[in-house]
C-alpha atoms as a PDB file:
ATOM      1  CA  MET A   1     130.749 113.131 102.821  1.00  0.00           C
ATOM      2  CA  ARG A   2     129.954 114.749  99.909  1.00  0.00           C
ATOM      3  CA  ILE A   3     131.989 118.501  98.955  1.00  0.00           C
ATOM      4  CA  HIS A   4     129.629 120.759  96.581  1.00  0.00           C
ATOM      5  CA  ALA A   5     132.041 123.085  94.678  1.00  0.00           C
ATOM      6  CA  ILE A   6     130.150 126.440  94.056  1.00  0.00           C
ATOM      7  CA  GLN A   7     130.499 128.851  91.291  1.00  0.00           C
ATOM      8  CA  THR A   8     129.212 132.408  92.255  1.00  0.00           C
ATOM      9  CA  GLY A   9     130.158 133.934  89.226  1.00  0.00           C
ATOM     10  CA  GLU A  10     133.694 135.089  87.245  1.00  0.00           C
ATOM     11  CA  VAL A  11     136.288 137.257  87.891  1.00  0.00           C
ATOM     12  CA  GLN A  12     139.143 138.592  85.398  1.00  0.00           C
ATOM     13  CA  ILE A  13     142.215 140.169  86.243  1.00  0.00           C
ATOM     14  CA  LYS A  14     145.673 141.493  85.035  1.00  0.00           C
ATOM     15  CA  THR A  15     147.950 138.439  83.462  1.00  0.00           C
ATOM     16  CA  ARG A  16     150.958 140.236  85.899  1.00  0.00           C
ATOM     17  CA  HIS A  17     148.210 139.178  89.193  1.00  0.00           C
ATOM     18  CA  VAL A  18     147.714 135.490  88.060  1.00  0.00           C
ATOM     19  CA  GLU A  19     151.783 135.494  87.736  1.00  0.00           C
ATOM     20  CA  SER A  20     153.855 137.877  89.134  1.00  0.00           C
ATOM     21  CA  ARG A  21     157.519 138.099  88.303  1.00  0.00           C
ATOM     22  CA  ARG A  22     159.219 140.517  90.554  1.00  0.00           C
ATOM     23  CA  ASN A  23     159.282 139.148  94.392  1.00  0.00           C
ATOM     24  CA  ALA A  24     159.066 142.625  96.144  1.00  0.00           C
ATOM     25  CA  ARG A  25     155.313 143.300  96.682  1.00  0.00           C
ATOM     26  CA  PRO A  26     155.718 146.958  95.953  1.00  0.00           C
ATOM     27  CA  ALA A  27     156.919 146.083  92.467  1.00  0.00           C
ATOM     28  CA  ARG A  28     154.688 142.916  91.695  1.00  0.00           C
ATOM     29  CA  VAL A  29     151.603 145.532  92.245  1.00  0.00           C
ATOM     30  CA  LEU A  30     152.827 148.699  90.279  1.00  0.00           C
ATOM     31  CA  ASP A  31     153.133 145.853  87.469  1.00  0.00           C
ATOM     32  CA  VAL A  32     149.708 144.903  88.174  1.00  0.00           C
ATOM     33  CA  LEU A  33     148.293 147.950  87.830  1.00  0.00           C
ATOM     34  CA  THR A  34     150.554 148.827  84.537  1.00  0.00           C
ATOM     35  CA  ASP A  35     149.299 145.375  82.511  1.00  0.00           C
ATOM     36  CA  ARG A  36     147.530 145.946  79.782  1.00  0.00           C
ATOM     37  CA  ASN A  37     146.969 142.092  79.526  1.00  0.00           C
ATOM     38  CA  TRP A  38     144.037 140.329  80.824  1.00  0.00           C
ATOM     39  CA  ALA A  39     143.771 136.890  81.337  1.00  0.00           C
ATOM     40  CA  PRO A  40     140.874 134.820  80.672  1.00  0.00           C
ATOM     41  CA  ARG A  41     138.249 134.986  83.357  1.00  0.00           C
ATOM     42  CA  LEU A  42     138.210 132.322  86.407  1.00  0.00           C
ATOM     43  CA  PRO A  43     135.358 130.946  87.992  1.00  0.00           C
ATOM     44  CA  ILE A  44     134.601 132.499  91.415  1.00  0.00           C
ATOM     45  CA  SER A  45     134.424 129.002  94.164  1.00  0.00           C
ATOM     46  CA  ALA A  46     132.690 128.631  97.128  1.00  0.00           C
ATOM     47  CA  TYR A  47     132.811 125.216  98.665  1.00  0.00           C
ATOM     48  CA  ALA A  48     130.006 123.256 100.602  1.00  0.00           C
ATOM     49  CA  ILE A  49     130.558 120.285 102.862  1.00  0.00           C
ATOM     50  CA  GLU A  50     128.077 117.838 103.660  1.00  0.00           C
ATOM     51  CA  HIS A  51     128.999 116.055 107.185  1.00  0.00           C
ATOM     52  CA  PRO A  52     127.392 114.656 109.662  1.00  0.00           C
ATOM     53  CA  ASP A  53     128.045 117.290 112.139  1.00  0.00           C
ATOM     54  CA  GLY A  54     125.949 120.223 110.009  1.00  0.00           C
ATOM     55  CA  LEU A  55     126.748 122.038 106.115  1.00  0.00           C
ATOM     56  CA  ILE A  56     129.851 123.771 106.732  1.00  0.00           C
ATOM     57  CA  VAL A  57     130.919 126.107 103.860  1.00  0.00           C
ATOM     58  CA  VAL A  58     134.178 127.851 102.392  1.00  0.00           C
ATOM     59  CA  ASP A  59     134.232 131.341 101.390  1.00  0.00           C
ATOM     60  CA  THR A  60     131.168 133.216  99.971  1.00  0.00           C
ATOM     61  CA  GLY A  61     132.022 134.123  96.783  1.00  0.00           C
ATOM     62  CA  GLU A  62     131.379 137.276  95.055  1.00  0.00           C
ATOM     63  CA  SER A  63     128.528 140.046  95.875  1.00  0.00           C
ATOM     64  CA  SER A  64     125.850 140.360  92.415  1.00  0.00           C
ATOM     65  CA  HIS A  65     126.360 144.511  93.464  1.00  0.00           C
ATOM     66  CA  ALA A  66     129.984 143.752  93.109  1.00  0.00           C
ATOM     67  CA  ASN A  67     128.955 145.935  89.697  1.00  0.00           C
ATOM     68  CA  ASP A  68     126.802 148.501  91.167  1.00  0.00           C
ATOM     69  CA  PRO A  69     127.817 152.942  91.011  1.00  0.00           C
ATOM     70  CA  GLY A  70     129.601 153.557  94.065  1.00  0.00           C
ATOM     71  CA  TYR A  71     130.370 150.005  95.368  1.00  0.00           C
ATOM     72  CA  GLN A  72     133.503 149.690  94.357  1.00  0.00           C
ATOM     73  CA  PRO A  73     135.718 152.372  96.225  1.00  0.00           C
ATOM     74  CA  TRP A  74     136.575 155.380  94.336  1.00  0.00           C
ATOM     75  CA  TRP A  75     140.307 155.722  94.863  1.00  0.00           C
ATOM     76  CA  HIS A  76     140.992 151.899  95.180  1.00  0.00           C
ATOM     77  CA  PRO A  77     142.918 151.751  92.274  1.00  0.00           C
ATOM     78  CA  PHE A  78     143.158 148.210  91.637  1.00  0.00           C
ATOM     79  CA  VAL A  79     139.664 147.137  91.985  1.00  0.00           C
ATOM     80  CA  GLN A  80     139.386 150.410  89.693  1.00  0.00           C
ATOM     81  CA  THR A  81     141.515 148.796  87.006  1.00  0.00           C
ATOM     82  CA  SER A  82     142.798 145.606  87.195  1.00  0.00           C
ATOM     83  CA  GLU A  83     139.373 143.461  88.439  1.00  0.00           C
ATOM     84  CA  ARG A  84     136.733 142.905  86.586  1.00  0.00           C
ATOM     85  CA  ARG A  85     133.394 140.904  87.736  1.00  0.00           C
ATOM     86  CA  TRP A  86     130.451 138.919  86.467  1.00  0.00           C
ATOM     87  CA  VAL A  87     128.007 137.909  88.991  1.00  0.00           C
ATOM     88  CA  GLU A  88     124.152 138.282  88.460  1.00  0.00           C
ATOM     89  CA  PRO A  89     121.610 137.810  91.896  1.00  0.00           C
ATOM     90  CA  HIS A  90     120.779 133.944  90.423  1.00  0.00           C
ATOM     91  CA  GLU A  91     124.927 133.124  91.364  1.00  0.00           C
ATOM     92  CA  GLU A  92     125.319 134.270  94.683  1.00  0.00           C
ATOM     93  CA  ILE A  93     125.761 131.607  97.279  1.00  0.00           C
ATOM     94  CA  GLY A  94     122.248 131.550  98.683  1.00  0.00           C
ATOM     95  CA  PRO A  95     120.588 130.579  95.505  1.00  0.00           C
ATOM     96  CA  ARG A  96     123.319 128.776  94.605  1.00  0.00           C
ATOM     97  CA  LEU A  97     123.093 126.418  98.209  1.00  0.00           C
ATOM     98  CA  GLN A  98     118.962 126.312  97.169  1.00  0.00           C
ATOM     99  CA  ALA A  99     119.600 125.044  94.418  1.00  0.00           C
ATOM    100  CA  LEU A 100     121.726 122.053  95.930  1.00  0.00           C
ATOM    101  CA  GLY A 101     118.673 121.643  98.277  1.00  0.00           C
ATOM    102  CA  HIS A 102     120.567 123.371 101.351  1.00  0.00           C
ATOM    103  CA  GLU A 103     118.903 126.585 102.814  1.00  0.00           C
ATOM    104  CA  PRO A 104     121.497 128.928 103.735  1.00  0.00           C
ATOM    105  CA  ALA A 105     119.784 128.861 107.196  1.00  0.00           C
ATOM    106  CA  GLU A 106     121.185 125.313 107.333  1.00  0.00           C
ATOM    107  CA  VAL A 107     124.805 126.045 107.427  1.00  0.00           C
ATOM    108  CA  GLY A 108     126.542 126.130 111.237  1.00  0.00           C
ATOM    109  CA  ARG A 109     129.671 127.373 110.230  1.00  0.00           C
ATOM    110  CA  ILE A 110     131.417 129.437 107.864  1.00  0.00           C
ATOM    111  CA  VAL A 111     134.918 128.842 107.355  1.00  0.00           C
ATOM    112  CA  MET A 112     136.618 131.934 106.169  1.00  0.00           C
ATOM    113  CA  THR A 113     139.856 131.388 103.908  1.00  0.00           C
ATOM    114  CA  HIS A 114     140.442 134.961 103.706  1.00  0.00           C
ATOM    115  CA  MET A 115     138.400 138.152 103.096  1.00  0.00           C
ATOM    116  CA  HIS A 116     138.719 139.602 100.193  1.00  0.00           C
ATOM    117  CA  GLY A 117     135.649 140.471  98.496  1.00  0.00           C
ATOM    118  CA  ASP A 118     135.124 137.330  96.326  1.00  0.00           C
ATOM    119  CA  HIS A 119     135.313 135.225  99.109  1.00  0.00           C
ATOM    120  CA  ALA A 120     133.316 137.359 101.501  1.00  0.00           C
ATOM    121  CA  GLY A 121     130.779 138.768  99.089  1.00  0.00           C
ATOM    122  CA  GLY A 122     127.988 136.374 100.606  1.00  0.00           C
ATOM    123  CA  LEU A 123     128.585 136.386 104.463  1.00  0.00           C
ATOM    124  CA  SER A 124     125.171 138.648 104.086  1.00  0.00           C
ATOM    125  CA  HIS A 125     123.788 135.574 103.863  1.00  0.00           C
ATOM    126  CA  PHE A 126     124.496 133.903 106.508  1.00  0.00           C
ATOM    127  CA  PRO A 127     123.564 136.148 109.451  1.00  0.00           C
ATOM    128  CA  ASN A 128     122.791 133.247 112.203  1.00  0.00           C
ATOM    129  CA  ALA A 129     126.558 131.191 111.468  1.00  0.00           C
ATOM    130  CA  GLU A 130     129.434 131.124 113.143  1.00  0.00           C
ATOM    131  CA  ILE A 131     131.824 132.935 110.858  1.00  0.00           C
ATOM    132  CA  LEU A 132     135.756 131.223 111.369  1.00  0.00           C
ATOM    133  CA  MET A 133     138.558 133.008 110.400  1.00  0.00           C
ATOM    134  CA  SER A 134     142.254 132.670 111.817  1.00  0.00           C
ATOM    135  CA  ALA A 135     143.245 135.210 114.247  1.00  0.00           C
ATOM    136  CA  ARG A 136     145.526 137.532 112.217  1.00  0.00           C
ATOM    137  CA  GLU A 137     142.971 137.331 108.959  1.00  0.00           C
ATOM    138  CA  ALA A 138     140.385 138.960 111.273  1.00  0.00           C
ATOM    139  CA  LYS A 139     142.493 141.433 113.066  1.00  0.00           C
ATOM    140  CA  MET A 140     143.226 142.652 109.107  1.00  0.00           C
ATOM    141  CA  ALA A 141     140.534 142.344 107.615  1.00  0.00           C
ATOM    142  CA  LEU A 142     138.455 144.343 110.199  1.00  0.00           C
ATOM    143  CA  ALA A 143     141.599 147.313 110.321  1.00  0.00           C
ATOM    144  CA  ARG A 144     140.838 151.069 109.426  1.00  0.00           C
ATOM    145  CA  ASP A 145     143.284 150.454 107.105  1.00  0.00           C
ATOM    146  CA  GLY A 146     141.626 147.106 106.062  1.00  0.00           C
ATOM    147  CA  PRO A 147     140.618 148.726 102.868  1.00  0.00           C
ATOM    148  CA  ALA A 148     143.813 150.157 101.844  1.00  0.00           C
ATOM    149  CA  ASN A 149     145.515 146.249 102.147  1.00  0.00           C
ATOM    150  CA  GLY A 150     142.335 144.590  99.882  1.00  0.00           C
ATOM    151  CA  TYR A 151     139.409 144.240 102.532  1.00  0.00           C
ATOM    152  CA  LEU A 152     136.836 146.250 101.468  1.00  0.00           C
ATOM    153  CA  ASN A 153     135.497 145.857 105.315  1.00  0.00           C
ATOM    154  CA  GLY A 154     132.743 148.625 104.378  1.00  0.00           C
ATOM    155  CA  HIS A 155     131.055 145.987 102.727  1.00  0.00           C
ATOM    156  CA  TYR A 156     131.103 142.982 105.267  1.00  0.00           C
ATOM    157  CA  PRO A 157     127.582 142.735 106.956  1.00  0.00           C
ATOM    158  CA  GLY A 158     127.230 145.099 109.893  1.00  0.00           C
ATOM    159  CA  TRP A 159     126.783 142.380 112.474  1.00  0.00           C
ATOM    160  CA  LEU A 160     129.837 140.601 111.489  1.00  0.00           C
ATOM    161  CA  LYS A 161     132.122 138.678 114.936  1.00  0.00           C
ATOM    162  CA  PRO A 162     133.969 136.391 113.522  1.00  0.00           C
ATOM    163  CA  SER A 163     135.108 133.799 115.802  1.00  0.00           C
ATOM    164  CA  PRO A 164     139.420 133.948 115.587  1.00  0.00           C
ATOM    165  CA  LEU A 165     141.352 131.014 114.862  1.00  0.00           C
ATOM    166  CA  GLU A 166     144.667 130.659 116.384  1.00  0.00           C
ATOM    167  CA  PHE A 167     147.562 128.101 115.240  1.00  0.00           C
ATOM    168  CA  ASP A 168     148.950 127.688 118.302  1.00  0.00           C
ATOM    169  CA  SER A 169     148.785 123.170 118.431  1.00  0.00           C
ATOM    170  CA  GLU A 170     148.253 120.311 116.876  1.00  0.00           C
ATOM    171  CA  PRO A 171     151.113 120.437 114.027  1.00  0.00           C
ATOM    172  CA  TRP A 172     150.228 117.924 111.365  1.00  0.00           C
ATOM    173  CA  GLU A 173     151.517 117.171 108.073  1.00  0.00           C
ATOM    174  CA  GLY A 174     154.232 119.175 108.107  1.00  0.00           C
ATOM    175  CA  PHE A 175     152.827 122.616 109.254  1.00  0.00           C
ATOM    176  CA  GLU A 176     153.344 123.318 112.747  1.00  0.00           C
ATOM    177  CA  ALA A 177     150.025 123.518 113.634  1.00  0.00           C
ATOM    178  CA  SER A 178     146.239 122.924 112.252  1.00  0.00           C
ATOM    179  CA  ILE A 179     142.903 123.055 114.157  1.00  0.00           C
ATOM    180  CA  VAL A 180     140.529 119.847 113.670  1.00  0.00           C
ATOM    181  CA  LEU A 181     137.025 121.505 112.906  1.00  0.00           C
ATOM    182  CA  THR A 182     134.812 118.018 113.132  1.00  0.00           C
ATOM    183  CA  ASP A 183     134.291 115.566 115.974  1.00  0.00           C
ATOM    184  CA  ASP A 184     135.461 113.337 113.349  1.00  0.00           C
ATOM    185  CA  GLY A 185     138.856 114.790 112.229  1.00  0.00           C
ATOM    186  CA  ALA A 186     137.759 114.896 108.946  1.00  0.00           C
ATOM    187  CA  VAL A 187     137.685 118.465 108.355  1.00  0.00           C
ATOM    188  CA  ARG A 188     141.374 120.122 109.219  1.00  0.00           C
ATOM    189  CA  LEU A 189     142.302 123.921 108.858  1.00  0.00           C
ATOM    190  CA  ILE A 190     145.767 124.469 108.940  1.00  0.00           C
ATOM    191  CA  PRO A 191     147.500 127.936 107.990  1.00  0.00           C
ATOM    192  CA  THR A 192     149.057 128.902 104.109  1.00  0.00           C
ATOM    193  CA  PRO A 193     149.809 132.432 104.738  1.00  0.00           C
ATOM    194  CA  GLY A 194     151.079 134.074 101.327  1.00  0.00           C
ATOM    195  CA  HIS A 195     148.135 135.945  99.369  1.00  0.00           C
ATOM    196  CA  THR A 196     147.390 136.844 103.197  1.00  0.00           C
ATOM    197  CA  LEU A 197     149.009 136.986 106.241  1.00  0.00           C
ATOM    198  CA  GLY A 198     146.334 135.100 107.410  1.00  0.00           C
ATOM    199  CA  HIS A 199     145.422 132.846 104.994  1.00  0.00           C
ATOM    200  CA  LEU A 200     143.671 129.244 106.162  1.00  0.00           C
ATOM    201  CA  SER A 201     143.367 126.484 103.654  1.00  0.00           C
ATOM    202  CA  VAL A 202     140.749 123.556 104.482  1.00  0.00           C
ATOM    203  CA  VAL A 203     141.265 119.212 104.012  1.00  0.00           C
ATOM    204  CA  VAL A 204     139.220 117.220 104.473  1.00  0.00           C
ATOM    205  CA  ASP A 205     139.467 113.215 104.771  1.00  0.00           C
ATOM    206  CA  GLN A 206     137.531 111.236 101.968  1.00  0.00           C
ATOM    207  CA  GLY A 207     138.860 108.057 103.677  1.00  0.00           C
ATOM    208  CA  ASP A 208     140.806 107.060 100.437  1.00  0.00           C
ATOM    209  CA  HIS A 209     142.237 110.777  99.964  1.00  0.00           C
ATOM    210  CA  LEU A 210     142.090 114.527 100.520  1.00  0.00           C
ATOM    211  CA  VAL A 211     140.829 117.306  99.207  1.00  0.00           C
ATOM    212  CA  LEU A 212     142.374 120.386  99.843  1.00  0.00           C
ATOM    213  CA  ILE A 213     139.960 123.613  99.747  1.00  0.00           C
ATOM    214  CA  ALA A 214     143.058 125.447  98.920  1.00  0.00           C
ATOM    215  CA  GLY A 215     141.203 129.426  98.814  1.00  0.00           C
ATOM    216  CA  ASP A 216     144.249 131.617  96.934  1.00  0.00           C
ATOM    217  CA  ALA A 217     146.962 129.562  98.612  1.00  0.00           C
ATOM    218  CA  ALA A 218     147.646 129.095  94.630  1.00  0.00           C
ATOM    219  CA  TYR A 219     145.289 130.252  91.886  1.00  0.00           C
ATOM    220  CA  SER A 220     145.455 126.905  90.038  1.00  0.00           C
ATOM    221  CA  GLU A 221     146.232 124.042  90.275  1.00  0.00           C
ATOM    222  CA  ARG A 222     149.321 124.308  88.209  1.00  0.00           C
ATOM    223  CA  ALA A 223     150.313 127.462  90.069  1.00  0.00           C
ATOM    224  CA  LEU A 224     151.037 125.249  92.985  1.00  0.00           C
ATOM    225  CA  LEU A 225     152.968 122.733  91.575  1.00  0.00           C
ATOM    226  CA  GLU A 226     155.198 125.807  90.169  1.00  0.00           C
ATOM    227  CA  GLY A 227     155.426 127.064  93.667  1.00  0.00           C
ATOM    228  CA  ILE A 228     153.798 130.374  91.169  1.00  0.00           C
ATOM    229  CA  VAL A 229     153.283 133.500  93.920  1.00  0.00           C
ATOM    230  CA  ASP A 230     150.529 135.908  92.516  1.00  0.00           C
ATOM    231  CA  GLY A 231     151.129 139.367  91.788  1.00  0.00           C
ATOM    232  CA  VAL A 232     149.451 140.690  94.917  1.00  0.00           C
ATOM    233  CA  ALA A 233     150.363 138.604  97.238  1.00  0.00           C
ATOM    234  CA  GLN A 234     151.321 139.860 101.291  1.00  0.00           C
ATOM    235  CA  SER A 235     154.030 137.723 100.887  1.00  0.00           C
ATOM    236  CA  ALA A 236     156.339 136.050  98.401  1.00  0.00           C
ATOM    237  CA  GLU A 237     158.357 134.242 101.070  1.00  0.00           C
ATOM    238  CA  HIS A 238     155.147 133.168 102.929  1.00  0.00           C
ATOM    239  CA  HIS A 239     153.474 132.087  99.582  1.00  0.00           C
ATOM    240  CA  ARG A 240     156.669 129.970  98.600  1.00  0.00           C
ATOM    241  CA  ASP A 241     157.089 128.054 101.936  1.00  0.00           C
ATOM    242  CA  SER A 242     153.077 127.769 101.722  1.00  0.00           C
ATOM    243  CA  THR A 243     153.226 126.320  98.099  1.00  0.00           C
ATOM    244  CA  ARG A 244     156.162 123.692  99.393  1.00  0.00           C
ATOM    245  CA  ARG A 245     154.181 122.991 102.007  1.00  0.00           C
ATOM    246  CA  LEU A 246     151.243 121.838 100.116  1.00  0.00           C
ATOM    247  CA  ARG A 247     152.956 119.970  97.309  1.00  0.00           C
ATOM    248  CA  GLU A 248     155.037 117.847 100.008  1.00  0.00           C
ATOM    249  CA  LEU A 249     151.667 116.556 101.464  1.00  0.00           C
ATOM    250  CA  CYS A 250     150.654 115.671  98.214  1.00  0.00           C
ATOM    251  CA  THR A 251     153.937 113.938  97.807  1.00  0.00           C
ATOM    252  CA  ARG A 252     153.232 111.680 101.119  1.00  0.00           C
ATOM    253  CA  HIS A 253     149.157 110.863 100.384  1.00  0.00           C
ATOM    254  CA  THR A 254     146.380 111.016  97.836  1.00  0.00           C
ATOM    255  CA  VAL A 255     145.394 114.779  97.177  1.00  0.00           C
ATOM    256  CA  VAL A 256     142.260 116.478  95.650  1.00  0.00           C
ATOM    257  CA  VAL A 257     143.581 120.459  94.656  1.00  0.00           C
ATOM    258  CA  VAL A 258     140.605 122.469  94.422  1.00  0.00           C
ATOM    259  CA  PRO A 259     141.336 126.364  94.670  1.00  0.00           C
ATOM    260  CA  THR A 260     138.816 128.839  94.470  1.00  0.00           C
ATOM    261  CA  HIS A 261     139.925 130.492  90.657  1.00  0.00           C
ATOM    262  CA  ASP A 262     140.962 126.927  88.948  1.00  0.00           C
ATOM    263  CA  PRO A 263     138.758 126.390  86.007  1.00  0.00           C
ATOM    264  CA  ASP A 264     139.370 122.885  86.651  1.00  0.00           C
ATOM    265  CA  GLY A 265     139.051 122.190  90.115  1.00  0.00           C
ATOM    266  CA  PRO A 266     134.991 121.329  90.123  1.00  0.00           C
ATOM    267  CA  GLN A 267     135.670 118.499  88.134  1.00  0.00           C
ATOM    268  CA  ARG A 268     139.327 117.473  89.435  1.00  0.00           C
ATOM    269  CA  LEU A 269     136.498 117.615  92.765  1.00  0.00           C
ATOM    270  CA  ALA A 270     133.650 115.106  90.725  1.00  0.00           C
ATOM    271  CA  GLU A 271     136.666 113.162  89.239  1.00  0.00           C
ATOM    272  CA  SER A 272     138.581 112.977  92.062  1.00  0.00           C
ATOM    273  CA  GLN A 273     141.215 113.451  90.662  1.00  0.00           C
ATOM    274  CA  ALA A 274     144.746 113.951  92.185  1.00  0.00           C
ATOM    275  CA  THR A 275     147.206 116.202  92.345  1.00  0.00           C
ATOM    276  CA  ALA A 276     150.974 114.227  90.781  1.00  0.00           C
ATOM    277  CA  VAL A 277     153.903 116.045  92.076  1.00  0.00           C
ATOM    278  CA  PRO A 278     156.691 115.933  88.596  1.00  0.00           C
ATOM    279  CA  GLY A 279     159.604 113.811  89.691  1.00  0.00           C
ATOM    280  CA  ARG A 280     158.364 112.129  93.253  1.00  0.00           C
END
């Protein structure tokens, strides 16, 4: 079972977005909006899992239209002042999959860690796939006030009817619930709220190690290990709890951690380089 990291352009955010210094969300967001310092460009990664049950894609990256005039809401201070994007048409997930030898039509299931634009921007490539996300994420993302909470749902395809998932059973490895996605149990979804309240992560059992596709549960391996909360996380408390549980998973198993925006994630994935928790 092969897992491919697929880079769909780059994003640049403020330093206080990458690493917050406040606890309450309003204070963290204000800190981001007033920060004059930009962090280095970060990759926008999606993942393709070649599984016997069929090709599974985790997140869909950003759209090459993200910088088109009028694409970003004029009234939204964050997207207008605190985020920069670089995505060419050939970098969208559809062409990237084709370069790997897969047609987008082959994809049966898309797993969305969450529905922010740099994760949901490529959904239009998959009109025939089943779109999976947590029920809480679906409710928040599709709500009328979704854009105010960072969900630019006017960009979602008109045909989008997600399959909402309830995390209400199957306790697993310190998580109160999980969802087994494949018949062999090798691909499992776990709730990792914090960045958004409905955020989920994907765990792939490769036999001798686990691959944790972490989305934005943490922006980097370092952020996960240090419990760093990002500047726009919907809940700092949930964020810290999720990263704590993920660290504990890394102490019990050999785990390769691949967050969406970690520049070193694809190399760790290619080399099966496990995350080491200090002091354990």
